[in-house]
Amino acid sequence: MKVLKGSAILDYVRIIRANPDKNWDRWLTPEDWEIIHSKILPSQRYPYETFRNLGFAVFKEIAGGDLNVARQFGRFTMKNWIEIYRSSILEPGDPLRSLEKLALIRRKFMDIENETKVGEHGPDWVRYQIIHYTDEPDEERKLAYVYQMAGQLEEVVAQAGGQNPSTTISPIPGGHEILVKWTPAATAASE
């Protein structure tokens, strides 16, 4: 079974608990509810399936299915991760190295081989690949996750010193690729 650390689901659980009036039962299983009602321990392992369900439930009920809201939520969640794991993620002044560190930490958080990886890159851009699994046939779920990841990548770049981060999402065989671009801090300062 694929699992991940509790720190990856904390924001989702908080949102669901804070919004009891939403129709969460459309998206969540009884097993998901058991986890939501339990004490979430950041270092404990939880089912990846619950992570996917919680994320999609928040996307549908809070974001209203809006992919741009999912991107902004990604930025928000990454700010929280950086508060906790700053030295493990950020390499000040080096957005590329920071994105590489993020890919490494994601592999530590999730017991999933090659879920994300840094591909081709240059001094102010990187191709970040997300590999999907055949057990997730729903394209809307995949896109919600990819847009959230795009927001997370933008936030990492911004906090590492890259100016004006932007992302472009494209399908690739077996997943999606996020092209992340930014203006280096030295270039932005001289403009």
N, C-alpha and C. Protein backbone atom coordinates (compact mmCIF):
# COMPACT_ATOMS: atom_id res chain seq x y z
N MET A 1 0.84 -1.18 0.00
CA MET A 1 0.00 0.00 0.00
C MET A 1 0.88 1.24 0.00
N LYS A 2 0.52 2.23 -0.81
CA LYS A 2 1.23 3.50 -0.86
C LYS A 2 0.83 4.32 0.36
N VAL A 3 1.83 4.91 1.02
CA VAL A 3 1.57 5.72 2.22
C VAL A 3 2.39 7.00 2.16
N LEU A 4 2.01 7.96 3.01
CA LEU A 4 2.75 9.21 3.12
C LEU A 4 2.65 9.73 4.54
N LYS A 5 3.52 10.68 4.86
CA LYS A 5 3.54 11.24 6.21
C LYS A 5 2.33 12.13 6.46
N GLY A 6 1.92 12.17 7.72
CA GLY A 6 0.76 12.95 8.12
C GLY A 6 0.86 14.43 7.83
N SER A 7 2.08 14.97 7.80
CA SER A 7 2.22 16.40 7.51
C SER A 7 1.68 16.75 6.13
N ALA A 8 1.58 15.77 5.22
CA ALA A 8 1.05 16.02 3.88
C ALA A 8 -0.47 16.18 3.87
N ILE A 9 -1.14 15.68 4.92
CA ILE A 9 -2.61 15.77 4.94
C ILE A 9 -3.15 16.77 5.96
N LEU A 10 -2.27 17.34 6.77
CA LEU A 10 -2.73 18.22 7.86
C LEU A 10 -3.60 19.38 7.37
N ASP A 11 -3.18 20.09 6.32
CA ASP A 11 -3.97 21.23 5.84
C ASP A 11 -5.34 20.79 5.36
N TYR A 12 -5.41 19.66 4.66
CA TYR A 12 -6.70 19.15 4.20
C TYR A 12 -7.62 18.83 5.38
N VAL A 13 -7.08 18.15 6.38
CA VAL A 13 -7.88 17.77 7.54
C VAL A 13 -8.40 19.02 8.26
N ARG A 14 -7.56 20.02 8.42
CA ARG A 14 -7.98 21.26 9.08
C ARG A 14 -9.13 21.92 8.32
N ILE A 15 -9.02 21.96 7.01
CA ILE A 15 -10.07 22.59 6.19
C ILE A 15 -11.38 21.82 6.31
N ILE A 16 -11.31 20.52 6.25
CA ILE A 16 -12.53 19.71 6.34
C ILE A 16 -13.17 19.86 7.71
N ARG A 17 -12.38 19.82 8.75
CA ARG A 17 -12.91 19.99 10.10
C ARG A 17 -13.54 21.36 10.29
N ALA A 18 -12.95 22.39 9.66
CA ALA A 18 -13.45 23.77 9.83
C ALA A 18 -14.69 24.06 8.98
N ASN A 19 -15.07 23.15 8.10
CA ASN A 19 -16.20 23.37 7.21
C ASN A 19 -17.17 22.19 7.25
N PRO A 20 -17.79 21.95 8.41
CA PRO A 20 -18.67 20.78 8.53
C PRO A 20 -19.94 20.87 7.70
N ASP A 21 -20.26 22.07 7.20
CA ASP A 21 -21.48 22.26 6.42
C ASP A 21 -21.34 21.79 4.97
N LYS A 22 -20.15 21.46 4.52
CA LYS A 22 -19.93 21.03 3.14
C LYS A 22 -20.33 19.56 2.96
N ASN A 23 -20.57 19.18 1.73
CA ASN A 23 -21.01 17.81 1.41
C ASN A 23 -19.80 16.89 1.20
N TRP A 24 -19.03 16.70 2.26
CA TRP A 24 -17.81 15.91 2.19
C TRP A 24 -18.07 14.44 1.86
N ASP A 25 -19.23 13.93 2.28
CA ASP A 25 -19.51 12.50 2.09
C ASP A 25 -19.54 12.09 0.63
N ARG A 26 -19.73 13.03 -0.28
CA ARG A 26 -19.69 12.71 -1.72
C ARG A 26 -18.31 12.21 -2.12
N TRP A 27 -17.26 12.63 -1.40
CA TRP A 27 -15.89 12.38 -1.82
C TRP A 27 -15.10 11.49 -0.87
N LEU A 28 -15.56 11.37 0.37
CA LEU A 28 -14.77 10.68 1.39
C LEU A 28 -15.38 9.34 1.79
N THR A 29 -14.52 8.41 2.11
CA THR A 29 -14.93 7.07 2.54
C THR A 29 -15.01 7.00 4.07
N PRO A 30 -15.64 5.98 4.61
CA PRO A 30 -15.64 5.81 6.07
C PRO A 30 -14.21 5.73 6.64
N GLU A 31 -13.30 5.12 5.89
CA GLU A 31 -11.90 5.04 6.33
C GLU A 31 -11.26 6.43 6.39
N ASP A 32 -11.60 7.28 5.42
CA ASP A 32 -11.10 8.66 5.44
C ASP A 32 -11.60 9.39 6.68
N TRP A 33 -12.89 9.20 7.00
CA TRP A 33 -13.48 9.87 8.17
C TRP A 33 -12.82 9.42 9.46
N GLU A 34 -12.45 8.16 9.54
CA GLU A 34 -11.75 7.67 10.75
C GLU A 34 -10.45 8.46 10.94
N ILE A 35 -9.74 8.68 9.86
CA ILE A 35 -8.49 9.42 9.94
C ILE A 35 -8.76 10.88 10.28
N ILE A 36 -9.74 11.49 9.64
CA ILE A 36 -10.07 12.90 9.89
C ILE A 36 -10.42 13.12 11.36
N HIS A 37 -11.13 12.18 11.96
CA HIS A 37 -11.56 12.32 13.35
C HIS A 37 -10.49 11.89 14.36
N SER A 38 -9.35 11.41 13.87
CA SER A 38 -8.28 11.00 14.78
C SER A 38 -7.26 12.13 14.92
N LYS A 39 -6.33 11.94 15.82
CA LYS A 39 -5.24 12.91 15.96
C LYS A 39 -4.24 12.62 14.84
N ILE A 40 -3.97 13.63 14.02
CA ILE A 40 -3.04 13.46 12.90
C ILE A 40 -1.63 13.75 13.41
N LEU A 41 -0.77 12.77 13.30
CA LEU A 41 0.61 12.92 13.72
C LEU A 41 1.48 13.16 12.47
N PRO A 42 2.23 14.26 12.43
CA PRO A 42 3.00 14.58 11.23
C PRO A 42 3.94 13.48 10.75
N SER A 43 4.52 12.72 11.67
CA SER A 43 5.49 11.70 11.26
C SER A 43 4.86 10.33 11.02
N GLN A 44 3.60 10.16 11.38
CA GLN A 44 2.92 8.88 11.16
C GLN A 44 2.57 8.72 9.68
N ARG A 45 2.49 7.47 9.23
CA ARG A 45 2.16 7.20 7.82
C ARG A 45 0.66 6.98 7.67
N TYR A 46 0.11 7.54 6.58
CA TYR A 46 -1.32 7.43 6.27
C TYR A 46 -1.47 6.95 4.83
N PRO A 47 -2.61 6.34 4.50
CA PRO A 47 -2.80 5.83 3.14
C PRO A 47 -2.80 6.94 2.09
N TYR A 48 -2.10 6.68 1.01
CA TYR A 48 -2.06 7.63 -0.11
C TYR A 48 -3.47 7.84 -0.67
N GLU A 49 -4.29 6.80 -0.66
CA GLU A 49 -5.67 6.92 -1.15
C GLU A 49 -6.44 7.97 -0.36
N THR A 50 -6.23 8.04 0.95
CA THR A 50 -6.89 9.07 1.77
C THR A 50 -6.38 10.45 1.38
N PHE A 51 -5.09 10.59 1.17
CA PHE A 51 -4.51 11.86 0.71
C PHE A 51 -5.20 12.32 -0.58
N ARG A 52 -5.35 11.42 -1.53
CA ARG A 52 -6.01 11.76 -2.80
C ARG A 52 -7.46 12.16 -2.58
N ASN A 53 -8.16 11.40 -1.74
CA ASN A 53 -9.58 11.71 -1.48
C ASN A 53 -9.75 13.05 -0.78
N LEU A 54 -8.92 13.31 0.22
CA LEU A 54 -9.01 14.58 0.95
C LEU A 54 -8.72 15.76 0.01
N GLY A 55 -7.68 15.62 -0.79
CA GLY A 55 -7.32 16.69 -1.71
C GLY A 55 -8.42 16.98 -2.72
N PHE A 56 -9.03 15.93 -3.27
CA PHE A 56 -10.07 16.14 -4.25
C PHE A 56 -11.33 16.70 -3.60
N ALA A 57 -11.64 16.25 -2.39
CA ALA A 57 -12.81 16.77 -1.67
C ALA A 57 -12.66 18.27 -1.44
N VAL A 58 -11.47 18.70 -1.00
CA VAL A 58 -11.23 20.13 -0.79
C VAL A 58 -11.31 20.87 -2.11
N PHE A 59 -10.78 20.29 -3.17
CA PHE A 59 -10.84 20.91 -4.50
C PHE A 59 -12.29 21.12 -4.93
N LYS A 60 -13.14 20.14 -4.73
CA LYS A 60 -14.53 20.24 -5.17
C LYS A 60 -15.36 21.13 -4.25
N GLU A 61 -15.24 20.96 -2.94
CA GLU A 61 -16.12 21.65 -2.00
C GLU A 61 -15.65 23.07 -1.64
N ILE A 62 -14.36 23.29 -1.58
CA ILE A 62 -13.85 24.61 -1.20
C ILE A 62 -13.44 25.42 -2.43
N ALA A 63 -12.72 24.79 -3.35
CA ALA A 63 -12.27 25.51 -4.55
C ALA A 63 -13.34 25.54 -5.63
N GLY A 64 -14.41 24.80 -5.45
CA GLY A 64 -15.49 24.78 -6.45
C GLY A 64 -15.05 24.22 -7.78
N GLY A 65 -14.01 23.36 -7.77
CA GLY A 65 -13.52 22.77 -9.01
C GLY A 65 -12.70 23.72 -9.86
N ASP A 66 -12.27 24.85 -9.30
CA ASP A 66 -11.51 25.87 -10.04
C ASP A 66 -10.01 25.55 -9.95
N LEU A 67 -9.39 25.26 -11.09
CA LEU A 67 -7.97 24.89 -11.10
C LEU A 67 -7.06 26.03 -10.65
N ASN A 68 -7.44 27.27 -10.90
CA ASN A 68 -6.61 28.39 -10.43
C ASN A 68 -6.65 28.52 -8.91
N VAL A 69 -7.78 28.18 -8.31
CA VAL A 69 -7.85 28.16 -6.84
C VAL A 69 -6.96 27.03 -6.32
N ALA A 70 -6.94 25.90 -7.02
CA ALA A 70 -6.06 24.79 -6.63
C ALA A 70 -4.60 25.25 -6.66
N ARG A 71 -4.23 26.01 -7.67
CA ARG A 71 -2.86 26.54 -7.77
C ARG A 71 -2.56 27.44 -6.57
N GLN A 72 -3.49 28.33 -6.22
CA GLN A 72 -3.28 29.22 -5.07
C GLN A 72 -3.21 28.43 -3.76
N PHE A 73 -4.03 27.38 -3.66
CA PHE A 73 -3.97 26.54 -2.47
C PHE A 73 -2.59 25.87 -2.37
N GLY A 74 -2.04 25.49 -3.51
CA GLY A 74 -0.69 24.92 -3.52
C GLY A 74 0.33 25.88 -2.95
N ARG A 75 0.21 27.15 -3.32
CA ARG A 75 1.13 28.16 -2.77
C ARG A 75 0.96 28.26 -1.25
N PHE A 76 -0.29 28.26 -0.81
CA PHE A 76 -0.59 28.34 0.63
C PHE A 76 0.00 27.15 1.38
N THR A 77 -0.22 25.94 0.89
CA THR A 77 0.30 24.76 1.59
C THR A 77 1.82 24.74 1.60
N MET A 78 2.44 25.22 0.53
CA MET A 78 3.90 25.23 0.50
C MET A 78 4.46 26.24 1.50
N LYS A 79 3.77 27.35 1.71
CA LYS A 79 4.22 28.29 2.74
C LYS A 79 4.26 27.58 4.10
N ASN A 80 3.25 26.76 4.38
CA ASN A 80 3.23 26.02 5.64
C ASN A 80 4.37 25.01 5.70
N TRP A 81 4.61 24.30 4.61
CA TRP A 81 5.71 23.33 4.59
C TRP A 81 7.04 24.02 4.81
N ILE A 82 7.22 25.18 4.18
CA ILE A 82 8.50 25.89 4.29
C ILE A 82 8.70 26.39 5.72
N GLU A 83 7.63 26.78 6.39
CA GLU A 83 7.77 27.18 7.80
C GLU A 83 8.35 26.04 8.62
N ILE A 84 7.93 24.83 8.33
CA ILE A 84 8.37 23.66 9.10
C ILE A 84 9.70 23.11 8.60
N TYR A 85 9.87 23.03 7.29
CA TYR A 85 11.01 22.33 6.69
C TYR A 85 11.93 23.26 5.90
N ARG A 86 12.04 24.50 6.32
CA ARG A 86 12.78 25.52 5.56
C ARG A 86 14.14 25.02 5.08
N SER A 87 15.00 24.57 5.98
CA SER A 87 16.36 24.19 5.57
C SER A 87 16.37 22.92 4.71
N SER A 88 15.35 22.11 4.81
CA SER A 88 15.28 20.90 3.99
C SER A 88 14.81 21.19 2.57
N ILE A 89 14.13 22.31 2.38
CA ILE A 89 13.58 22.64 1.06
C ILE A 89 14.34 23.79 0.41
N LEU A 90 14.51 24.90 1.14
CA LEU A 90 15.04 26.11 0.51
C LEU A 90 16.56 26.16 0.46
N GLU A 91 17.05 26.57 -0.68
CA GLU A 91 18.44 26.93 -0.88
C GLU A 91 18.40 28.40 -1.30
N PRO A 92 18.57 29.33 -0.34
CA PRO A 92 18.42 30.75 -0.65
C PRO A 92 19.25 31.18 -1.86
N GLY A 93 18.59 31.89 -2.78
CA GLY A 93 19.25 32.37 -3.97
C GLY A 93 19.38 31.34 -5.09
N ASP A 94 18.85 30.14 -4.87
CA ASP A 94 18.99 29.08 -5.86
C ASP A 94 17.67 28.32 -6.05
N PRO A 95 16.76 28.88 -6.86
CA PRO A 95 15.47 28.22 -7.07
C PRO A 95 15.59 26.80 -7.62
N LEU A 96 16.52 26.57 -8.54
CA LEU A 96 16.67 25.23 -9.12
C LEU A 96 17.04 24.22 -8.05
N ARG A 97 18.03 24.54 -7.24
CA ARG A 97 18.44 23.61 -6.17
C ARG A 97 17.29 23.41 -5.18
N SER A 98 16.53 24.45 -4.92
CA SER A 98 15.38 24.33 -4.01
C SER A 98 14.33 23.37 -4.58
N LEU A 99 14.08 23.44 -5.88
CA LEU A 99 13.12 22.52 -6.50
C LEU A 99 13.64 21.09 -6.46
N GLU A 100 14.94 20.91 -6.63
CA GLU A 100 15.53 19.57 -6.52
C GLU A 100 15.37 19.03 -5.10
N LYS A 101 15.59 19.90 -4.11
CA LYS A 101 15.44 19.49 -2.72
C LYS A 101 13.98 19.14 -2.42
N LEU A 102 13.04 19.90 -3.00
CA LEU A 102 11.63 19.59 -2.81
C LEU A 102 11.30 18.20 -3.35
N ALA A 103 11.81 17.88 -4.54
CA ALA A 103 11.56 16.56 -5.11
C ALA A 103 12.09 15.46 -4.19
N LEU A 104 13.26 15.68 -3.59
CA LEU A 104 13.82 14.70 -2.66
C LEU A 104 12.97 14.55 -1.41
N ILE A 105 12.55 15.67 -0.84
CA ILE A 105 11.75 15.60 0.39
C ILE A 105 10.39 14.95 0.12
N ARG A 106 9.81 15.20 -1.06
CA ARG A 106 8.54 14.55 -1.40
C ARG A 106 8.70 13.04 -1.44
N ARG A 107 9.85 12.57 -1.95
CA ARG A 107 10.08 11.11 -1.98
C ARG A 107 10.21 10.56 -0.56
N LYS A 108 10.75 11.35 0.35
CA LYS A 108 10.86 10.90 1.75
C LYS A 108 9.50 10.89 2.43
N PHE A 109 8.63 11.84 2.06
CA PHE A 109 7.31 11.94 2.66
C PHE A 109 6.37 10.86 2.14
N MET A 110 6.57 10.48 0.89
CA MET A 110 5.67 9.53 0.26
C MET A 110 6.45 8.27 -0.11
N ASP A 111 5.97 7.14 0.34
CA ASP A 111 6.60 5.88 -0.01
C ASP A 111 6.17 5.46 -1.41
N ILE A 112 6.53 6.31 -2.37
CA ILE A 112 6.13 6.10 -3.75
C ILE A 112 7.35 6.39 -4.62
N GLU A 113 7.73 5.45 -5.44
CA GLU A 113 8.88 5.63 -6.31
C GLU A 113 8.59 6.63 -7.42
N ASN A 114 9.48 7.58 -7.62
CA ASN A 114 9.46 8.48 -8.78
C ASN A 114 8.14 9.20 -9.00
N GLU A 115 7.47 9.61 -7.94
CA GLU A 115 6.21 10.33 -8.09
C GLU A 115 6.45 11.70 -8.71
N THR A 116 7.53 12.35 -8.33
CA THR A 116 7.90 13.63 -8.93
C THR A 116 9.41 13.64 -9.17
N LYS A 117 9.83 14.37 -10.20
CA LYS A 117 11.27 14.50 -10.42
C LYS A 117 11.56 15.75 -11.25
N VAL A 118 12.76 16.25 -11.07
CA VAL A 118 13.24 17.38 -11.84
C VAL A 118 13.85 16.83 -13.13
N GLY A 119 13.40 17.37 -14.26
CA GLY A 119 13.93 16.95 -15.56
C GLY A 119 14.92 17.97 -16.09
N GLU A 120 14.84 18.25 -17.39
CA GLU A 120 15.72 19.24 -18.00
C GLU A 120 15.58 20.57 -17.27
N HIS A 121 16.68 21.34 -17.27
CA HIS A 121 16.62 22.63 -16.59
C HIS A 121 17.69 23.56 -17.14
N GLY A 122 17.50 24.83 -16.86
CA GLY A 122 18.46 25.87 -17.21
C GLY A 122 18.61 26.81 -16.03
N PRO A 123 19.27 27.94 -16.20
CA PRO A 123 19.49 28.84 -15.06
C PRO A 123 18.22 29.51 -14.53
N ASP A 124 17.16 29.57 -15.34
CA ASP A 124 15.94 30.24 -14.89
C ASP A 124 14.68 29.46 -15.29
N TRP A 125 14.81 28.15 -15.43
CA TRP A 125 13.65 27.31 -15.76
C TRP A 125 13.95 25.86 -15.39
N VAL A 126 12.89 25.09 -15.21
CA VAL A 126 13.03 23.65 -14.95
C VAL A 126 11.77 22.94 -15.42
N ARG A 127 11.94 21.74 -15.89
CA ARG A 127 10.81 20.88 -16.24
C ARG A 127 10.63 19.90 -15.08
N TYR A 128 9.53 20.05 -14.38
CA TYR A 128 9.22 19.24 -13.19
C TYR A 128 8.16 18.22 -13.60
N GLN A 129 8.47 16.95 -13.47
CA GLN A 129 7.58 15.90 -13.95
C GLN A 129 6.82 15.24 -12.80
N ILE A 130 5.55 15.00 -13.04
CA ILE A 130 4.69 14.30 -12.09
C ILE A 130 4.21 13.04 -12.80
N ILE A 131 4.51 11.91 -12.20
CA ILE A 131 4.11 10.63 -12.78
C ILE A 131 2.82 10.19 -12.09
N HIS A 132 1.81 9.90 -12.89
CA HIS A 132 0.53 9.44 -12.35
C HIS A 132 0.53 7.92 -12.33
N TYR A 133 -0.40 7.38 -11.61
CA TYR A 133 -0.50 5.94 -11.48
C TYR A 133 -1.75 5.45 -12.17
N THR A 134 -1.67 4.27 -12.72
CA THR A 134 -2.79 3.73 -13.50
C THR A 134 -4.03 3.50 -12.64
N ASP A 135 -3.88 3.49 -11.32
CA ASP A 135 -5.06 3.31 -10.47
C ASP A 135 -5.85 4.60 -10.28
N GLU A 136 -5.46 5.68 -10.93
CA GLU A 136 -6.21 6.94 -10.88
C GLU A 136 -6.67 7.29 -12.29
N PRO A 137 -7.87 6.82 -12.67
CA PRO A 137 -8.35 7.06 -14.02
C PRO A 137 -8.99 8.44 -14.22
N ASP A 138 -9.33 9.14 -13.14
CA ASP A 138 -10.07 10.38 -13.21
C ASP A 138 -9.16 11.56 -13.58
N GLU A 139 -9.32 12.09 -14.78
CA GLU A 139 -8.48 13.19 -15.26
C GLU A 139 -8.65 14.45 -14.42
N GLU A 140 -9.86 14.72 -13.93
CA GLU A 140 -10.07 15.91 -13.11
C GLU A 140 -9.26 15.84 -11.82
N ARG A 141 -9.19 14.67 -11.20
CA ARG A 141 -8.38 14.49 -9.99
C ARG A 141 -6.91 14.74 -10.30
N LYS A 142 -6.45 14.20 -11.42
CA LYS A 142 -5.05 14.38 -11.79
C LYS A 142 -4.73 15.86 -11.98
N LEU A 143 -5.60 16.56 -12.71
CA LEU A 143 -5.36 17.98 -12.98
C LEU A 143 -5.40 18.81 -11.70
N ALA A 144 -6.32 18.52 -10.81
CA ALA A 144 -6.39 19.24 -9.54
C ALA A 144 -5.07 19.11 -8.78
N TYR A 145 -4.53 17.90 -8.76
CA TYR A 145 -3.26 17.65 -8.09
C TYR A 145 -2.11 18.39 -8.78
N VAL A 146 -2.08 18.33 -10.11
CA VAL A 146 -1.01 18.97 -10.87
C VAL A 146 -1.04 20.49 -10.68
N TYR A 147 -2.22 21.09 -10.70
CA TYR A 147 -2.31 22.55 -10.50
C TYR A 147 -1.90 22.93 -9.09
N GLN A 148 -2.24 22.10 -8.13
CA GLN A 148 -1.79 22.38 -6.76
C GLN A 148 -0.26 22.31 -6.69
N MET A 149 0.31 21.29 -7.34
CA MET A 149 1.77 21.18 -7.38
C MET A 149 2.40 22.39 -8.07
N ALA A 150 1.77 22.87 -9.14
CA ALA A 150 2.29 24.05 -9.84
C ALA A 150 2.38 25.23 -8.87
N GLY A 151 1.35 25.42 -8.06
CA GLY A 151 1.38 26.49 -7.07
C GLY A 151 2.49 26.28 -6.05
N GLN A 152 2.70 25.03 -5.63
CA GLN A 152 3.77 24.75 -4.68
C GLN A 152 5.14 25.08 -5.28
N LEU A 153 5.33 24.73 -6.54
CA LEU A 153 6.60 25.02 -7.20
C LEU A 153 6.82 26.53 -7.34
N GLU A 154 5.77 27.27 -7.68
CA GLU A 154 5.88 28.72 -7.77
C GLU A 154 6.30 29.32 -6.43
N GLU A 155 5.72 28.80 -5.35
CA GLU A 155 6.05 29.33 -4.02
C GLU A 155 7.49 29.02 -3.63
N VAL A 156 7.96 27.82 -3.94
CA VAL A 156 9.35 27.47 -3.64
C VAL A 156 10.29 28.40 -4.39
N VAL A 157 10.04 28.61 -5.68
CA VAL A 157 10.88 29.50 -6.48
C VAL A 157 10.88 30.91 -5.88
N ALA A 158 9.71 31.43 -5.55
CA ALA A 158 9.61 32.78 -4.99
C ALA A 158 10.38 32.89 -3.67
N GLN A 159 10.23 31.91 -2.80
CA GLN A 159 10.90 31.98 -1.50
C GLN A 159 12.40 31.72 -1.60
N ALA A 160 12.83 31.09 -2.70
CA ALA A 160 14.26 30.87 -2.91
C ALA A 160 14.91 32.05 -3.62
N GLY A 161 14.13 33.06 -3.97
CA GLY A 161 14.69 34.27 -4.56
C GLY A 161 14.40 34.47 -6.03
N GLY A 162 13.70 33.54 -6.67
CA GLY A 162 13.32 33.73 -8.06
C GLY A 162 12.17 34.73 -8.15
N GLN A 163 12.24 35.63 -9.09
CA GLN A 163 11.22 36.66 -9.25
C GLN A 163 10.22 36.23 -10.32
N ASN A 164 8.97 36.64 -10.16
CA ASN A 164 7.91 36.40 -11.14
C ASN A 164 7.80 34.94 -11.58
N PRO A 165 7.70 34.00 -10.64
CA PRO A 165 7.59 32.60 -11.06
C PRO A 165 6.30 32.35 -11.83
N SER A 166 6.40 31.52 -12.84
CA SER A 166 5.22 31.13 -13.61
C SER A 166 5.33 29.66 -13.97
N THR A 167 4.18 29.05 -14.23
CA THR A 167 4.18 27.64 -14.58
C THR A 167 3.28 27.41 -15.79
N THR A 168 3.67 26.43 -16.59
CA THR A 168 2.88 25.97 -17.72
C THR A 168 2.77 24.45 -17.61
N ILE A 169 1.57 23.92 -17.72
CA ILE A 169 1.32 22.49 -17.52
C ILE A 169 1.06 21.83 -18.86
N SER A 170 1.72 20.69 -19.07
CA SER A 170 1.55 19.92 -20.31
C SER A 170 1.47 18.44 -19.99
N PRO A 171 0.65 17.70 -20.73
CA PRO A 171 0.63 16.25 -20.53
C PRO A 171 1.89 15.62 -21.13
N ILE A 172 2.38 14.57 -20.48
CA ILE A 172 3.48 13.75 -20.99
C ILE A 172 3.06 12.30 -20.84
N PRO A 173 3.70 11.37 -21.50
CA PRO A 173 3.33 9.96 -21.32
C PRO A 173 3.42 9.56 -19.83
N GLY A 174 2.32 9.08 -19.28
CA GLY A 174 2.29 8.63 -17.90
C GLY A 174 2.09 9.72 -16.86
N GLY A 175 1.92 10.96 -17.28
CA GLY A 175 1.76 12.01 -16.28
C GLY A 175 1.65 13.39 -16.87
N HIS A 176 2.20 14.36 -16.13
CA HIS A 176 2.19 15.75 -16.55
C HIS A 176 3.56 16.35 -16.28
N GLU A 177 3.86 17.38 -17.04
CA GLU A 177 5.09 18.13 -16.83
C GLU A 177 4.72 19.57 -16.53
N ILE A 178 5.39 20.14 -15.55
CA ILE A 178 5.19 21.55 -15.21
C ILE A 178 6.48 22.28 -15.56
N LEU A 179 6.38 23.18 -16.52
CA LEU A 179 7.51 24.03 -16.87
C LEU A 179 7.47 25.22 -15.93
N VAL A 180 8.49 25.35 -15.11
CA VAL A 180 8.57 26.44 -14.14
C VAL A 180 9.62 27.43 -14.65
N LYS A 181 9.23 28.70 -14.75
CA LYS A 181 10.16 29.76 -15.18
C LYS A 181 10.18 30.86 -14.13
N TRP A 182 11.29 31.57 -14.07
CA TRP A 182 11.41 32.70 -13.16
C TRP A 182 12.49 33.64 -13.69
N THR A 183 12.49 34.84 -13.13
CA THR A 183 13.54 35.81 -13.41
C THR A 183 14.52 35.75 -12.25
N PRO A 184 15.80 35.53 -12.53
CA PRO A 184 16.76 35.50 -11.43
C PRO A 184 16.76 36.82 -10.67
N ALA A 185 16.99 36.78 -9.38
CA ALA A 185 16.93 37.98 -8.53
C ALA A 185 17.87 39.06 -9.03
N ALA A 186 19.07 38.72 -9.47
CA ALA A 186 20.04 39.72 -9.94
C ALA A 186 19.50 40.42 -11.19
N THR A 187 18.88 39.68 -12.10
CA THR A 187 18.32 40.27 -13.31
C THR A 187 17.15 41.18 -12.98
N ALA A 188 16.29 40.71 -12.07
CA ALA A 188 15.11 41.51 -11.69
C ALA A 188 15.53 42.83 -11.02
N ALA A 189 16.61 42.79 -10.23
CA ALA A 189 17.06 43.98 -9.54
C ALA A 189 17.64 45.01 -10.49
N SER A 190 18.25 44.55 -11.60
CA SER A 190 18.87 45.49 -12.55
C SER A 190 17.88 46.08 -13.54
N GLU A 191 16.68 45.53 -13.61
CA GLU A 191 15.69 46.03 -14.57
C GLU A 191 15.03 47.30 -14.09
